[in-house]
C-alpha cells in the first residue's frame, strides 16, 4: 500500500520549487538584531492542542484518495 502511494506521487524533484521559510525568517531576525533591534518571542498559538491522529488511518485515507480521486 505504501509503495503504491509513493509511486503514484513520485516525480521529478526541483529544489527551486521550494523555499526554506525558516532560513528566510531567521536571516531577517539576525539582520534586525545586528542593526540594534530586539529579538522577541513568537506569540503562543491560540489553538488548543489537537489529539494525535492515527497515522495508519491517515495513510489509508491518503491512499484511497489516490486510488479513487474525487
Protein backbone atom coordinates (compact mmCIF):
# COMPACT_ATOMS: atom_id res chain seq x y z
CA UNK A 1 0.00 0.00 0.00
CA UNK A 2 2.75 2.46 0.93
CA UNK A 3 4.77 1.64 -2.17
CA UNK A 4 1.77 2.28 -4.41
CA UNK A 5 1.12 5.61 -2.69
CA UNK A 6 4.73 6.72 -3.05
CA UNK A 7 4.87 5.57 -6.66
CA UNK A 8 1.69 7.48 -7.51
CA UNK A 9 3.05 10.70 -6.01
CA UNK A 10 6.61 10.41 -7.31
CA UNK A 11 8.02 12.72 -9.92
CA UNK A 12 10.93 14.95 -10.72
CA UNK A 13 12.29 16.98 -7.84
CA UNK A 14 13.22 20.59 -8.48
CA UNK A 15 14.59 22.31 -5.35
CA UNK A 16 13.88 25.72 -6.90
CA UNK A 17 10.16 24.98 -6.47
CA UNK A 18 10.58 25.18 -2.70
CA UNK A 19 11.74 27.84 -0.27
CA UNK A 20 13.11 27.48 3.22
CA UNK A 21 10.84 29.81 5.21
CA UNK A 22 12.72 29.08 8.43
CA UNK A 23 16.03 30.24 6.96
CA UNK A 24 14.42 33.36 5.47
CA UNK A 25 12.83 34.38 8.77
CA UNK A 26 16.00 33.56 10.73
CA UNK A 27 18.07 35.80 8.45
CA UNK A 28 15.55 38.64 8.90
CA UNK A 29 15.78 38.24 12.67
CA UNK A 30 19.58 38.20 12.66
CA UNK A 31 19.76 41.32 10.48
CA UNK A 32 17.28 43.09 12.75
CA UNK A 33 19.24 42.22 15.89
CA UNK A 34 22.55 43.17 14.24
CA UNK A 35 21.06 46.59 13.41
CA UNK A 36 20.18 47.17 17.06
CA UNK A 37 16.73 45.67 17.17
CA UNK A 38 15.44 43.28 19.78
CA UNK A 39 14.55 39.66 19.34
CA UNK A 40 11.07 38.97 20.64
CA UNK A 41 9.49 35.64 21.42
CA UNK A 42 6.87 34.41 19.00
CA UNK A 43 3.35 34.52 20.40
CA UNK A 44 1.97 31.24 21.60
CA UNK A 45 -0.58 29.61 19.38
CA UNK A 46 -4.17 30.25 20.35
CA UNK A 47 -5.14 26.83 19.05
CA UNK A 48 -5.61 24.15 21.69
CA UNK A 49 -3.51 21.04 21.35
CA UNK A 50 -5.02 18.65 18.84
CA UNK A 51 -5.31 14.99 19.55
CA UNK A 52 -2.74 12.81 17.84
CA UNK A 53 -4.13 11.29 14.68
CA UNK A 54 -3.85 7.60 13.92
CA UNK A 55 -1.08 7.56 11.29
CA UNK A 56 -2.17 4.25 9.77
CA UNK A 57 -5.70 5.59 9.29
CA UNK A 58 -4.30 8.79 7.73
CA UNK A 59 -2.16 6.75 5.34
CA UNK A 60 -5.16 4.63 4.39
CA UNK A 61 -7.28 7.73 3.65
CA UNK A 62 -4.46 9.23 1.60
CA UNK A 63 -4.06 6.01 -0.34
CA UNK A 64 -7.80 5.83 -1.02
CA UNK A 65 -7.76 9.41 -2.40
CA UNK A 66 -5.00 8.46 -4.82
CA UNK A 67 -6.76 5.29 -5.91
CA UNK A 68 -10.20 6.94 -6.20
CA UNK A 69 -9.80 10.73 -6.57
CA UNK A 70 -12.90 12.87 -6.02
